[in-house]
N, C-alpha and C. Protein backbone atom coordinates (compact mmCIF):
# COMPACT_ATOMS: atom_id res chain seq x y z
N MET A 1 37.97 -26.44 40.51
CA MET A 1 38.11 -25.96 39.13
C MET A 1 38.11 -24.48 39.20
N LYS A 2 38.90 -23.68 38.55
CA LYS A 2 39.00 -22.26 38.50
C LYS A 2 37.93 -21.61 37.44
N VAL A 3 37.38 -20.57 37.77
CA VAL A 3 36.48 -19.87 36.99
C VAL A 3 36.98 -18.54 36.64
N VAL A 4 37.00 -18.25 35.19
CA VAL A 4 37.42 -17.19 34.68
C VAL A 4 36.17 -16.23 34.24
N ILE A 5 36.20 -14.98 34.70
CA ILE A 5 35.19 -14.07 34.23
C ILE A 5 35.80 -12.94 33.41
N LEU A 6 35.30 -12.73 32.10
CA LEU A 6 35.87 -11.74 31.34
C LEU A 6 35.09 -10.37 31.59
N ALA A 7 35.85 -9.44 32.27
CA ALA A 7 35.20 -8.23 32.75
C ALA A 7 35.92 -6.97 32.27
N GLY A 8 36.44 -7.02 31.14
CA GLY A 8 37.25 -5.89 30.64
C GLY A 8 36.75 -5.00 29.53
N GLY A 9 35.62 -5.48 28.93
CA GLY A 9 35.11 -4.85 27.71
C GLY A 9 34.54 -3.33 28.03
N LEU A 10 34.37 -2.59 26.80
CA LEU A 10 33.91 -1.32 26.91
C LEU A 10 32.46 -1.13 27.28
N GLY A 11 31.63 -2.11 27.01
CA GLY A 11 30.23 -2.11 27.17
C GLY A 11 29.43 -1.04 26.34
N THR A 12 29.91 -0.75 25.18
CA THR A 12 29.38 0.39 24.42
C THR A 12 27.77 0.27 24.15
N ARG A 13 27.23 -1.01 24.13
CA ARG A 13 25.84 -0.94 23.92
C ARG A 13 24.91 -0.40 25.00
N ILE A 14 25.59 -0.28 26.11
CA ILE A 14 24.81 0.30 27.34
C ILE A 14 25.58 1.52 27.97
N SER A 15 26.07 2.31 27.07
CA SER A 15 26.99 3.42 27.28
C SER A 15 26.47 4.48 28.53
N GLU A 16 25.08 4.50 28.61
CA GLU A 16 24.57 5.37 29.54
C GLU A 16 25.04 5.08 30.92
N TYR A 17 25.34 3.75 31.23
CA TYR A 17 25.88 3.29 32.51
C TYR A 17 27.54 3.17 32.47
N THR A 18 27.98 2.71 31.32
CA THR A 18 29.34 2.33 31.28
C THR A 18 30.34 3.43 31.04
N LYS A 19 29.80 4.71 30.85
CA LYS A 19 30.73 5.93 30.96
C LYS A 19 31.30 6.20 32.31
N ILE A 20 30.60 5.60 33.35
CA ILE A 20 30.97 5.69 34.69
C ILE A 20 31.49 4.41 35.34
N ILE A 21 30.98 3.33 35.03
CA ILE A 21 31.37 2.12 35.54
C ILE A 21 31.44 1.00 34.52
N PRO A 22 32.29 -0.10 34.74
CA PRO A 22 32.32 -1.13 33.85
C PRO A 22 31.00 -2.04 33.80
N LYS A 23 30.64 -2.53 32.60
CA LYS A 23 29.41 -3.18 32.55
C LYS A 23 29.10 -4.22 33.53
N PRO A 24 30.03 -5.10 34.01
CA PRO A 24 29.79 -6.10 35.12
C PRO A 24 29.41 -5.50 36.33
N MET A 25 29.75 -4.18 36.51
CA MET A 25 29.30 -3.50 37.81
C MET A 25 27.88 -2.89 37.91
N ILE A 26 27.25 -3.09 36.74
CA ILE A 26 25.76 -2.57 36.72
C ILE A 26 25.09 -3.48 37.78
N LYS A 27 24.12 -2.77 38.54
CA LYS A 27 23.49 -3.49 39.54
C LYS A 27 22.02 -3.96 39.07
N ILE A 28 21.76 -5.09 39.51
CA ILE A 28 20.46 -5.81 39.30
C ILE A 28 19.93 -5.93 40.78
N ASN A 29 18.92 -5.21 41.14
CA ASN A 29 18.36 -5.16 42.52
C ASN A 29 19.57 -4.99 43.53
N LYS A 30 20.27 -3.94 43.36
CA LYS A 30 21.28 -3.49 44.23
C LYS A 30 22.57 -4.33 44.39
N ILE A 31 22.57 -5.51 43.40
CA ILE A 31 23.81 -6.33 43.40
C ILE A 31 24.45 -6.22 42.09
N PRO A 32 25.82 -6.03 41.93
CA PRO A 32 26.40 -5.99 40.57
C PRO A 32 26.32 -7.31 39.85
N ILE A 33 26.15 -7.17 38.46
CA ILE A 33 26.00 -8.42 37.66
C ILE A 33 27.08 -9.51 38.01
N ILE A 34 28.33 -8.88 38.23
CA ILE A 34 29.41 -9.89 38.38
C ILE A 34 29.35 -10.72 39.77
N CYS A 35 28.68 -10.05 40.69
CA CYS A 35 28.51 -10.82 41.98
C CYS A 35 27.40 -11.83 41.75
N ARG A 36 26.42 -11.42 41.04
CA ARG A 36 25.39 -12.52 40.79
C ARG A 36 26.00 -13.71 40.08
N ILE A 37 26.77 -13.41 39.17
CA ILE A 37 27.40 -14.48 38.47
C ILE A 37 28.25 -15.40 39.40
N MET A 38 29.15 -14.74 40.18
CA MET A 38 29.92 -15.35 41.10
C MET A 38 29.20 -16.28 41.97
N ASP A 39 28.00 -15.68 42.54
CA ASP A 39 27.21 -16.39 43.48
C ASP A 39 26.58 -17.66 42.81
N HIS A 40 26.36 -17.69 41.56
CA HIS A 40 25.83 -18.77 40.88
C HIS A 40 26.81 -19.89 40.96
N TYR A 41 28.10 -19.57 40.48
CA TYR A 41 29.18 -20.55 40.62
C TYR A 41 29.37 -21.12 42.05
N VAL A 42 29.38 -20.27 42.96
CA VAL A 42 29.57 -20.70 44.34
C VAL A 42 28.54 -21.75 44.78
N LYS A 43 27.23 -21.53 44.32
CA LYS A 43 26.25 -22.40 44.59
C LYS A 43 26.53 -23.80 44.10
N PHE A 44 27.33 -23.98 43.18
CA PHE A 44 27.72 -25.31 42.65
C PHE A 44 29.10 -25.78 43.20
N GLY A 45 29.65 -24.97 44.00
CA GLY A 45 30.92 -25.30 44.70
C GLY A 45 32.16 -24.85 44.12
N PHE A 46 32.03 -23.79 43.21
CA PHE A 46 33.23 -23.38 42.53
C PHE A 46 33.44 -21.85 43.14
N ASN A 47 34.53 -21.78 43.78
CA ASN A 47 34.72 -20.32 44.49
C ASN A 47 36.15 -19.60 44.18
N ASP A 48 36.82 -20.25 43.18
CA ASP A 48 38.34 -19.84 42.93
C ASP A 48 38.08 -18.97 41.59
N PHE A 49 38.04 -17.60 41.66
CA PHE A 49 37.73 -16.72 40.56
C PHE A 49 38.88 -16.08 40.10
N TYR A 50 39.06 -15.93 38.77
CA TYR A 50 40.06 -15.06 38.01
C TYR A 50 39.19 -14.04 37.21
N ILE A 51 39.27 -12.73 37.57
CA ILE A 51 38.50 -11.73 36.94
C ILE A 51 39.52 -10.92 35.99
N ALA A 52 39.22 -11.03 34.69
CA ALA A 52 39.98 -10.37 33.67
C ALA A 52 39.55 -8.95 33.49
N VAL A 53 40.26 -7.93 34.09
CA VAL A 53 39.68 -6.60 33.88
C VAL A 53 40.43 -5.86 32.91
N GLY A 54 39.82 -4.64 32.42
CA GLY A 54 40.54 -3.81 31.45
C GLY A 54 39.85 -2.41 31.60
N TYR A 55 38.92 -2.14 30.78
CA TYR A 55 38.17 -0.81 30.93
C TYR A 55 37.57 -0.56 32.38
N LYS A 56 38.04 0.62 32.98
CA LYS A 56 37.53 0.95 34.28
C LYS A 56 37.66 -0.24 35.35
N GLY A 57 38.84 -0.94 35.16
CA GLY A 57 39.14 -2.18 36.10
C GLY A 57 39.30 -1.65 37.59
N LYS A 58 39.75 -0.42 37.74
CA LYS A 58 39.88 0.18 39.17
C LYS A 58 38.61 0.14 39.86
N VAL A 59 37.45 0.25 39.15
CA VAL A 59 36.09 0.18 39.88
C VAL A 59 35.87 -1.24 40.47
N ILE A 60 36.31 -2.19 39.64
CA ILE A 60 36.13 -3.58 40.15
C ILE A 60 37.05 -3.86 41.24
N ARG A 61 38.25 -3.48 41.06
CA ARG A 61 39.24 -3.63 42.23
C ARG A 61 38.79 -3.04 43.40
N ASP A 62 38.45 -1.78 43.38
CA ASP A 62 38.03 -1.03 44.57
C ASP A 62 36.89 -1.70 45.18
N TYR A 63 35.86 -2.15 44.47
CA TYR A 63 34.69 -2.78 44.95
C TYR A 63 35.03 -4.13 45.82
N PHE A 64 35.92 -4.88 45.29
CA PHE A 64 36.22 -6.15 46.00
C PHE A 64 37.18 -5.84 47.20
N LYS A 65 37.97 -4.70 47.16
CA LYS A 65 38.74 -4.29 48.29
C LYS A 65 37.80 -3.83 49.44
N ARG A 66 36.83 -3.07 49.13
CA ARG A 66 35.86 -2.68 50.08
C ARG A 66 34.95 -3.67 50.74
N LYS A 67 34.49 -4.65 50.05
CA LYS A 67 33.45 -5.58 50.42
C LYS A 67 34.16 -6.89 50.62
N SER A 68 33.80 -7.43 51.69
CA SER A 68 34.36 -8.91 52.11
C SER A 68 33.50 -9.92 51.43
N HIS A 69 34.37 -10.92 50.89
CA HIS A 69 33.72 -12.05 50.19
C HIS A 69 34.29 -13.34 50.78
N PRO A 70 33.93 -13.63 51.95
CA PRO A 70 34.64 -14.72 52.71
C PRO A 70 34.54 -16.14 52.04
N ASN A 71 33.55 -16.47 51.26
CA ASN A 71 33.45 -17.76 50.65
C ASN A 71 34.03 -17.80 49.21
N LYS A 72 34.88 -16.83 48.90
CA LYS A 72 35.30 -16.65 47.49
C LYS A 72 36.82 -16.40 47.49
N ILE A 73 37.64 -17.08 46.56
CA ILE A 73 38.87 -16.68 46.37
C ILE A 73 38.90 -15.91 45.09
N ILE A 74 39.36 -14.57 45.13
CA ILE A 74 39.25 -13.68 43.98
C ILE A 74 40.61 -13.11 43.59
N LYS A 75 40.93 -13.25 42.38
CA LYS A 75 42.21 -12.71 41.83
C LYS A 75 41.73 -11.84 40.70
N ILE A 76 42.22 -10.72 40.74
CA ILE A 76 41.75 -9.71 39.68
C ILE A 76 43.03 -9.45 38.84
N ILE A 77 42.99 -9.70 37.59
CA ILE A 77 44.14 -9.59 36.61
C ILE A 77 43.87 -8.59 35.60
N GLU A 78 44.83 -7.63 35.50
CA GLU A 78 44.79 -6.59 34.58
C GLU A 78 45.08 -7.19 33.09
N THR A 79 44.22 -7.04 32.17
CA THR A 79 44.33 -7.74 30.88
C THR A 79 44.31 -6.69 29.73
N GLY A 80 44.32 -5.41 30.01
CA GLY A 80 44.51 -4.24 28.99
C GLY A 80 43.22 -3.71 28.58
N LYS A 81 43.14 -2.44 28.45
CA LYS A 81 41.82 -1.73 28.15
C LYS A 81 41.29 -2.21 26.72
N ASN A 82 42.16 -2.23 25.82
CA ASN A 82 41.79 -2.58 24.45
C ASN A 82 41.85 -3.94 23.88
N THR A 83 42.15 -4.88 24.97
CA THR A 83 42.43 -6.36 24.55
C THR A 83 41.03 -7.01 24.18
N MET A 84 41.00 -7.85 23.26
CA MET A 84 39.77 -8.56 22.88
C MET A 84 39.70 -9.79 23.81
N THR A 85 38.47 -10.38 23.62
CA THR A 85 38.15 -11.60 24.46
C THR A 85 39.13 -12.69 24.56
N GLY A 86 39.59 -13.12 23.35
CA GLY A 86 40.58 -14.20 23.26
C GLY A 86 41.92 -13.73 23.92
N GLY A 87 42.32 -12.46 23.63
CA GLY A 87 43.55 -11.90 24.24
C GLY A 87 43.48 -11.90 25.66
N ARG A 88 42.28 -11.56 26.19
CA ARG A 88 42.16 -11.53 27.70
C ARG A 88 42.45 -12.91 28.31
N LEU A 89 41.91 -13.90 27.69
CA LEU A 89 41.99 -15.33 28.10
C LEU A 89 43.47 -15.65 28.03
N LYS A 90 44.13 -15.37 26.88
CA LYS A 90 45.48 -15.66 26.59
C LYS A 90 46.38 -15.18 27.80
N ARG A 91 46.01 -14.00 28.19
CA ARG A 91 46.93 -13.40 29.25
C ARG A 91 46.80 -14.07 30.56
N LEU A 92 45.68 -15.01 30.79
CA LEU A 92 45.66 -15.83 31.96
C LEU A 92 46.26 -17.19 31.74
N GLU A 93 46.87 -17.44 30.67
CA GLU A 93 47.26 -18.87 30.53
C GLU A 93 48.11 -19.47 31.56
N LYS A 94 49.07 -18.63 32.15
CA LYS A 94 50.04 -19.15 33.15
C LYS A 94 49.17 -19.66 34.43
N HIS A 95 48.16 -19.14 34.70
CA HIS A 95 47.26 -19.45 35.83
C HIS A 95 46.40 -20.63 35.48
N LEU A 96 46.18 -21.03 34.33
CA LEU A 96 45.20 -22.03 33.79
C LEU A 96 45.72 -23.06 33.09
N LYS A 97 46.95 -23.16 32.80
CA LYS A 97 47.50 -24.16 31.82
C LYS A 97 47.43 -25.58 32.26
N ASP A 98 47.22 -25.98 33.51
CA ASP A 98 47.39 -27.14 34.02
C ASP A 98 46.14 -27.97 34.16
N GLU A 99 44.96 -27.47 33.94
CA GLU A 99 43.76 -28.08 34.36
C GLU A 99 42.43 -27.53 33.40
N THR A 100 41.52 -28.36 33.48
CA THR A 100 40.30 -27.82 32.87
C THR A 100 39.73 -26.61 33.72
N PHE A 101 39.19 -25.73 33.10
CA PHE A 101 38.62 -24.50 33.72
C PHE A 101 37.33 -24.05 33.22
N LEU A 102 36.64 -23.22 33.98
CA LEU A 102 35.41 -22.73 33.65
C LEU A 102 35.51 -21.16 33.15
N MET A 103 34.75 -20.66 32.28
CA MET A 103 34.86 -19.25 31.73
C MET A 103 33.45 -18.89 31.50
N THR A 104 33.26 -17.54 31.81
CA THR A 104 32.04 -16.92 31.31
C THR A 104 32.22 -15.37 31.10
N TYR A 105 31.32 -14.60 30.55
CA TYR A 105 31.42 -13.24 30.31
C TYR A 105 30.77 -12.54 31.58
N GLY A 106 31.25 -11.28 31.65
CA GLY A 106 30.92 -10.55 32.96
C GLY A 106 29.53 -9.84 32.88
N ASP A 107 28.68 -10.20 31.84
CA ASP A 107 27.35 -9.47 31.74
C ASP A 107 26.32 -10.36 31.34
N GLY A 108 26.46 -11.71 31.65
CA GLY A 108 25.40 -12.62 31.30
C GLY A 108 25.06 -13.46 32.55
N VAL A 109 23.69 -13.47 32.94
CA VAL A 109 23.15 -14.13 34.02
C VAL A 109 22.29 -15.30 33.57
N SER A 110 22.26 -16.45 34.34
CA SER A 110 21.61 -17.72 33.84
C SER A 110 21.39 -18.60 35.07
N ASN A 111 20.47 -19.59 34.93
CA ASN A 111 20.23 -20.61 35.97
C ASN A 111 20.88 -21.92 35.36
N VAL A 112 21.87 -21.78 34.43
CA VAL A 112 22.34 -23.13 33.85
C VAL A 112 22.93 -23.90 35.06
N ASN A 113 22.83 -25.26 34.99
CA ASN A 113 23.43 -26.04 35.88
C ASN A 113 24.85 -26.38 35.65
N ILE A 114 25.71 -25.85 36.31
CA ILE A 114 27.03 -25.89 36.11
C ILE A 114 27.67 -27.22 36.19
N LYS A 115 27.24 -28.07 37.10
CA LYS A 115 27.64 -29.42 37.38
C LYS A 115 27.27 -30.33 36.17
N SER A 116 26.08 -30.10 35.71
CA SER A 116 25.56 -30.85 34.47
C SER A 116 26.37 -30.51 33.24
N LEU A 117 26.65 -29.18 33.14
CA LEU A 117 27.53 -28.67 32.11
C LEU A 117 28.90 -29.41 32.05
N ILE A 118 29.44 -29.46 33.24
CA ILE A 118 30.77 -30.10 33.36
C ILE A 118 30.73 -31.51 33.01
N ASN A 119 29.78 -32.25 33.54
CA ASN A 119 29.67 -33.61 33.13
C ASN A 119 29.39 -33.80 31.71
N TYR A 120 28.63 -33.06 31.07
CA TYR A 120 28.40 -33.20 29.62
C TYR A 120 29.81 -32.99 28.99
N HIS A 121 30.45 -31.96 29.30
CA HIS A 121 31.89 -31.75 28.72
C HIS A 121 32.77 -32.85 28.88
N LYS A 122 32.78 -33.53 30.08
CA LYS A 122 33.77 -34.63 30.24
C LYS A 122 33.26 -35.83 29.44
N LYS A 123 31.98 -36.05 29.24
CA LYS A 123 31.50 -37.04 28.50
C LYS A 123 31.82 -36.95 27.02
N GLN A 124 31.76 -35.68 26.51
CA GLN A 124 31.94 -35.57 25.08
C GLN A 124 33.42 -35.38 24.71
N LYS A 125 34.30 -35.14 25.64
CA LYS A 125 35.78 -35.16 25.50
C LYS A 125 36.23 -34.16 24.24
N LYS A 126 35.77 -32.94 24.34
CA LYS A 126 36.16 -31.99 23.41
C LYS A 126 37.02 -30.72 24.06
N LEU A 127 37.54 -29.91 23.22
CA LEU A 127 38.45 -29.00 23.84
C LEU A 127 37.51 -27.93 24.57
N VAL A 128 36.37 -27.50 24.02
CA VAL A 128 35.58 -26.60 24.56
C VAL A 128 34.12 -26.97 24.52
N THR A 129 33.41 -26.64 25.58
CA THR A 129 31.86 -26.78 25.56
C THR A 129 31.34 -25.47 25.91
N LEU A 130 30.41 -24.95 25.08
CA LEU A 130 29.81 -23.69 25.30
C LEU A 130 28.25 -24.00 25.69
N THR A 131 27.68 -23.10 26.42
CA THR A 131 26.26 -23.26 26.73
C THR A 131 25.48 -22.54 25.55
N ALA A 132 24.71 -23.37 24.99
CA ALA A 132 23.83 -22.80 23.89
C ALA A 132 22.45 -22.43 24.48
N VAL A 133 21.94 -21.21 24.03
CA VAL A 133 20.72 -20.79 24.64
C VAL A 133 19.87 -20.27 23.36
N ARG A 134 18.51 -19.93 23.70
CA ARG A 134 17.65 -19.37 22.64
C ARG A 134 17.11 -18.04 22.95
N PRO A 135 17.96 -16.95 22.72
CA PRO A 135 17.34 -15.70 22.92
C PRO A 135 16.96 -15.03 21.58
N PRO A 136 16.74 -13.74 21.64
CA PRO A 136 16.31 -13.06 20.29
C PRO A 136 17.25 -13.16 19.31
N ALA A 137 16.82 -13.14 18.00
CA ALA A 137 17.68 -13.35 16.83
C ALA A 137 18.79 -12.30 16.59
N ARG A 138 18.73 -11.19 17.34
CA ARG A 138 19.66 -10.20 17.09
C ARG A 138 21.04 -10.56 17.51
N PHE A 139 21.27 -11.91 18.22
CA PHE A 139 22.50 -12.24 18.53
C PHE A 139 23.07 -13.18 17.57
N GLY A 140 24.26 -13.78 17.91
CA GLY A 140 24.92 -14.60 16.91
C GLY A 140 24.22 -16.09 16.80
N ALA A 141 24.78 -16.93 15.87
CA ALA A 141 23.95 -18.13 15.59
C ALA A 141 24.89 -19.41 15.71
N LEU A 142 24.34 -20.45 16.18
CA LEU A 142 24.96 -21.64 16.19
C LEU A 142 24.14 -22.83 15.53
N LYS A 143 24.67 -23.67 14.78
CA LYS A 143 24.07 -24.97 14.37
C LYS A 143 24.76 -26.05 15.05
N ILE A 144 23.93 -26.92 15.55
CA ILE A 144 24.29 -28.06 16.38
C ILE A 144 23.75 -29.35 15.92
N ASN A 145 24.57 -30.47 15.89
CA ASN A 145 24.19 -31.74 15.50
C ASN A 145 24.83 -32.74 16.47
N LYS A 146 23.96 -33.42 17.20
CA LYS A 146 24.42 -34.40 18.28
C LYS A 146 25.36 -33.86 19.19
N GLY A 147 25.24 -32.53 19.54
CA GLY A 147 26.15 -31.98 20.54
C GLY A 147 27.33 -31.29 20.01
N ASN A 148 27.71 -31.50 18.51
CA ASN A 148 28.65 -30.90 17.96
C ASN A 148 28.27 -29.49 17.26
N VAL A 149 29.10 -28.56 17.51
CA VAL A 149 28.78 -27.26 16.69
C VAL A 149 29.45 -27.43 15.47
N PHE A 150 28.62 -27.27 14.35
CA PHE A 150 29.24 -27.32 13.03
C PHE A 150 29.15 -26.10 12.19
N TYR A 151 28.45 -25.03 12.89
CA TYR A 151 28.39 -23.63 12.23
C TYR A 151 28.49 -22.67 13.46
N PHE A 152 29.41 -21.78 13.38
CA PHE A 152 29.55 -20.75 14.45
C PHE A 152 29.55 -19.29 13.80
N LYS A 153 28.57 -18.49 14.02
CA LYS A 153 28.67 -17.12 13.38
C LYS A 153 28.26 -16.07 14.54
N GLU A 154 29.12 -15.29 14.92
CA GLU A 154 28.83 -14.25 15.89
C GLU A 154 28.01 -13.19 15.40
N LYS A 155 26.87 -12.90 16.07
CA LYS A 155 25.93 -11.79 15.69
C LYS A 155 25.52 -11.81 14.27
N SER A 156 25.04 -13.01 13.84
CA SER A 156 24.53 -13.22 12.52
C SER A 156 23.15 -12.47 12.33
N LYS A 157 22.93 -12.09 11.13
CA LYS A 157 21.55 -11.57 10.95
C LYS A 157 20.52 -12.63 10.56
N LEU A 158 20.98 -13.93 10.39
CA LEU A 158 20.10 -15.03 10.11
C LEU A 158 19.32 -15.33 11.45
N ASP A 159 18.21 -15.86 11.23
CA ASP A 159 17.31 -16.12 12.40
C ASP A 159 17.54 -17.52 12.71
N GLU A 160 18.74 -17.66 13.48
CA GLU A 160 19.10 -19.20 13.87
C GLU A 160 18.46 -19.42 15.21
N SER A 161 18.30 -20.62 15.65
CA SER A 161 17.75 -21.05 16.88
C SER A 161 18.62 -21.08 18.06
N TRP A 162 19.79 -21.36 17.96
CA TRP A 162 20.70 -21.48 19.21
C TRP A 162 21.87 -20.43 19.03
N ILE A 163 22.15 -19.80 20.11
CA ILE A 163 23.42 -18.87 20.11
C ILE A 163 24.34 -19.22 21.30
N ASN A 164 25.44 -18.61 21.23
CA ASN A 164 26.38 -18.77 22.20
C ASN A 164 25.91 -18.05 23.52
N GLY A 165 25.70 -18.69 24.63
CA GLY A 165 25.35 -18.06 25.86
C GLY A 165 26.35 -18.00 26.82
N GLY A 166 27.70 -18.25 26.46
CA GLY A 166 28.80 -18.19 27.45
C GLY A 166 28.75 -19.45 28.20
N PHE A 167 29.22 -19.34 29.56
CA PHE A 167 29.28 -20.44 30.55
C PHE A 167 29.99 -21.62 29.92
N PHE A 168 31.17 -21.59 29.73
CA PHE A 168 32.15 -22.40 28.99
C PHE A 168 32.86 -23.47 30.06
N VAL A 169 33.19 -24.58 29.42
CA VAL A 169 33.99 -25.46 30.05
C VAL A 169 35.30 -25.64 29.06
N ILE A 170 36.59 -25.41 29.45
CA ILE A 170 37.64 -25.22 28.55
C ILE A 170 38.83 -26.02 29.02
N GLU A 171 39.45 -26.88 27.91
CA GLU A 171 40.66 -27.59 28.25
C GLU A 171 41.86 -26.68 27.95
N PRO A 172 42.89 -26.73 28.78
CA PRO A 172 44.09 -25.81 28.52
C PRO A 172 44.64 -25.95 27.11
N GLU A 173 44.57 -27.02 26.45
CA GLU A 173 45.13 -27.11 25.11
C GLU A 173 44.53 -26.20 24.21
N PHE A 174 43.39 -25.52 24.58
CA PHE A 174 42.73 -24.49 23.71
C PHE A 174 43.70 -23.29 23.60
N PHE A 175 44.51 -23.09 24.50
CA PHE A 175 45.35 -21.89 24.53
C PHE A 175 46.16 -21.71 23.20
N LYS A 176 46.53 -22.83 22.55
CA LYS A 176 47.37 -22.74 21.40
C LYS A 176 46.51 -22.15 20.22
N PHE A 177 45.21 -22.00 20.32
CA PHE A 177 44.52 -21.26 19.33
C PHE A 177 44.27 -19.75 19.61
N LEU A 178 44.90 -19.33 20.67
CA LEU A 178 44.85 -17.88 20.98
C LEU A 178 46.15 -17.23 20.71
N LYS A 179 46.17 -16.22 19.93
CA LYS A 179 47.45 -15.63 19.43
C LYS A 179 47.88 -14.38 20.34
N ASN A 180 47.10 -13.40 20.44
CA ASN A 180 47.60 -12.22 21.04
C ASN A 180 46.45 -11.36 21.49
N ASP A 181 46.64 -10.06 22.02
CA ASP A 181 45.56 -9.15 22.55
C ASP A 181 44.49 -8.84 21.49
N GLY A 182 44.84 -9.02 20.20
CA GLY A 182 43.85 -8.73 19.18
C GLY A 182 42.96 -9.95 18.86
N THR A 183 43.08 -11.06 19.53
CA THR A 183 42.29 -12.20 19.08
C THR A 183 40.89 -12.08 19.74
N TYR A 184 39.92 -12.24 18.85
CA TYR A 184 38.52 -12.41 19.31
C TYR A 184 38.22 -13.81 19.57
N LEU A 185 37.90 -14.22 20.73
CA LEU A 185 37.55 -15.61 21.15
C LEU A 185 36.54 -16.14 20.18
N GLU A 186 35.51 -15.29 19.77
CA GLU A 186 34.43 -15.81 19.06
C GLU A 186 34.55 -15.83 17.53
N ARG A 187 35.75 -15.47 17.07
CA ARG A 187 36.05 -15.52 15.60
C ARG A 187 36.81 -16.79 15.30
N GLU A 188 38.23 -16.30 14.99
CA GLU A 188 39.11 -17.51 14.45
C GLU A 188 39.28 -18.67 15.43
N PRO A 189 39.47 -18.40 16.66
CA PRO A 189 39.71 -19.65 17.57
C PRO A 189 38.48 -20.60 17.54
N PHE A 190 37.29 -19.96 17.79
CA PHE A 190 36.12 -20.97 17.71
C PHE A 190 35.82 -21.49 16.44
N GLU A 191 36.10 -20.77 15.29
CA GLU A 191 35.88 -21.16 14.04
C GLU A 191 36.65 -22.35 13.67
N LYS A 192 37.95 -22.16 14.08
CA LYS A 192 38.97 -23.24 13.90
C LYS A 192 38.64 -24.51 14.50
N ILE A 193 38.33 -24.38 15.95
CA ILE A 193 38.02 -25.68 16.65
C ILE A 193 36.60 -26.34 16.23
N CYS A 194 35.84 -25.47 15.66
CA CYS A 194 34.55 -25.83 15.08
C CYS A 194 34.81 -26.80 13.84
N LYS A 195 35.82 -26.40 13.09
CA LYS A 195 36.04 -27.25 11.85
C LYS A 195 36.88 -28.49 12.31
N LEU A 196 37.46 -28.46 13.46
CA LEU A 196 38.15 -29.75 13.93
C LEU A 196 37.25 -30.51 14.83
N LYS A 197 35.87 -30.16 14.90
CA LYS A 197 34.87 -30.92 15.70
C LYS A 197 35.32 -30.97 17.11
N GLN A 198 35.95 -29.83 17.62
CA GLN A 198 36.41 -29.86 18.95
C GLN A 198 35.52 -28.81 19.82
N LEU A 199 34.50 -28.26 19.25
CA LEU A 199 33.59 -27.22 19.91
C LEU A 199 32.22 -27.91 20.28
N ASN A 200 31.90 -28.05 21.40
CA ASN A 200 30.72 -28.78 21.78
C ASN A 200 29.62 -27.83 22.43
N ALA A 201 28.35 -28.19 22.34
CA ALA A 201 27.20 -27.44 22.76
C ALA A 201 26.45 -28.09 23.76
N TYR A 202 26.24 -27.43 24.90
CA TYR A 202 25.36 -27.91 25.98
C TYR A 202 24.14 -27.04 25.90
N LYS A 203 23.11 -27.66 25.55
CA LYS A 203 21.76 -26.97 25.37
C LYS A 203 21.12 -26.58 26.65
N HIS A 204 20.91 -25.33 26.91
CA HIS A 204 20.23 -24.77 28.05
C HIS A 204 18.95 -24.18 27.72
N LYS A 205 17.89 -24.62 28.13
CA LYS A 205 16.51 -24.17 27.88
C LYS A 205 15.83 -23.40 28.95
N GLY A 206 16.61 -23.13 30.11
CA GLY A 206 16.14 -22.27 31.14
C GLY A 206 16.41 -20.84 31.00
N PHE A 207 16.54 -20.06 32.26
CA PHE A 207 16.76 -18.72 32.14
C PHE A 207 18.05 -18.29 31.66
N TRP A 208 18.16 -17.28 30.88
CA TRP A 208 19.46 -16.64 30.38
C TRP A 208 19.13 -15.15 29.88
N GLN A 209 19.97 -14.27 30.34
CA GLN A 209 19.69 -12.89 29.84
C GLN A 209 21.24 -12.30 29.85
């Protein structure tokens, strides 16, 4: 199963670092966030990575050229500096259109059990399964009933219990909900499949940042 990492955003909320490097290259104990994410997937046997770059993508390209990663297959795809999350994924359609794939953001680390997440996705038979987590209320909000997401609001001011923590399992049929570079994954596409009862939530109660 292929793993997509969205790593092209501007990272404006942490601009003291991202003026120089893209957010996924910020180091935690000397290791870039993106490498920690990849190592987590490799631990579960997934090593075929598609990294969607944009802002300061050259920094990511240069890093992976310099460093050897023998247990990983890494393809770095330019998806445009100003492309939104849904647009970045849309640009990878030709690489992912034939099978279920995994996706996450390039700035979130977690100990979510990827195998359990996939098994849950297969059992529920929906287009998309996201990992729901419980962080501070300054993030967006989800409402979940029997695994189905029936309310999705990104960065809501409401104090909701569950939010989108990334770590997705996605069926290729989802691409038809993505229009162009200006598409925000977390707005119209997710809102549409939510109404169609095709957005599923895997509740993760462990570590997530």
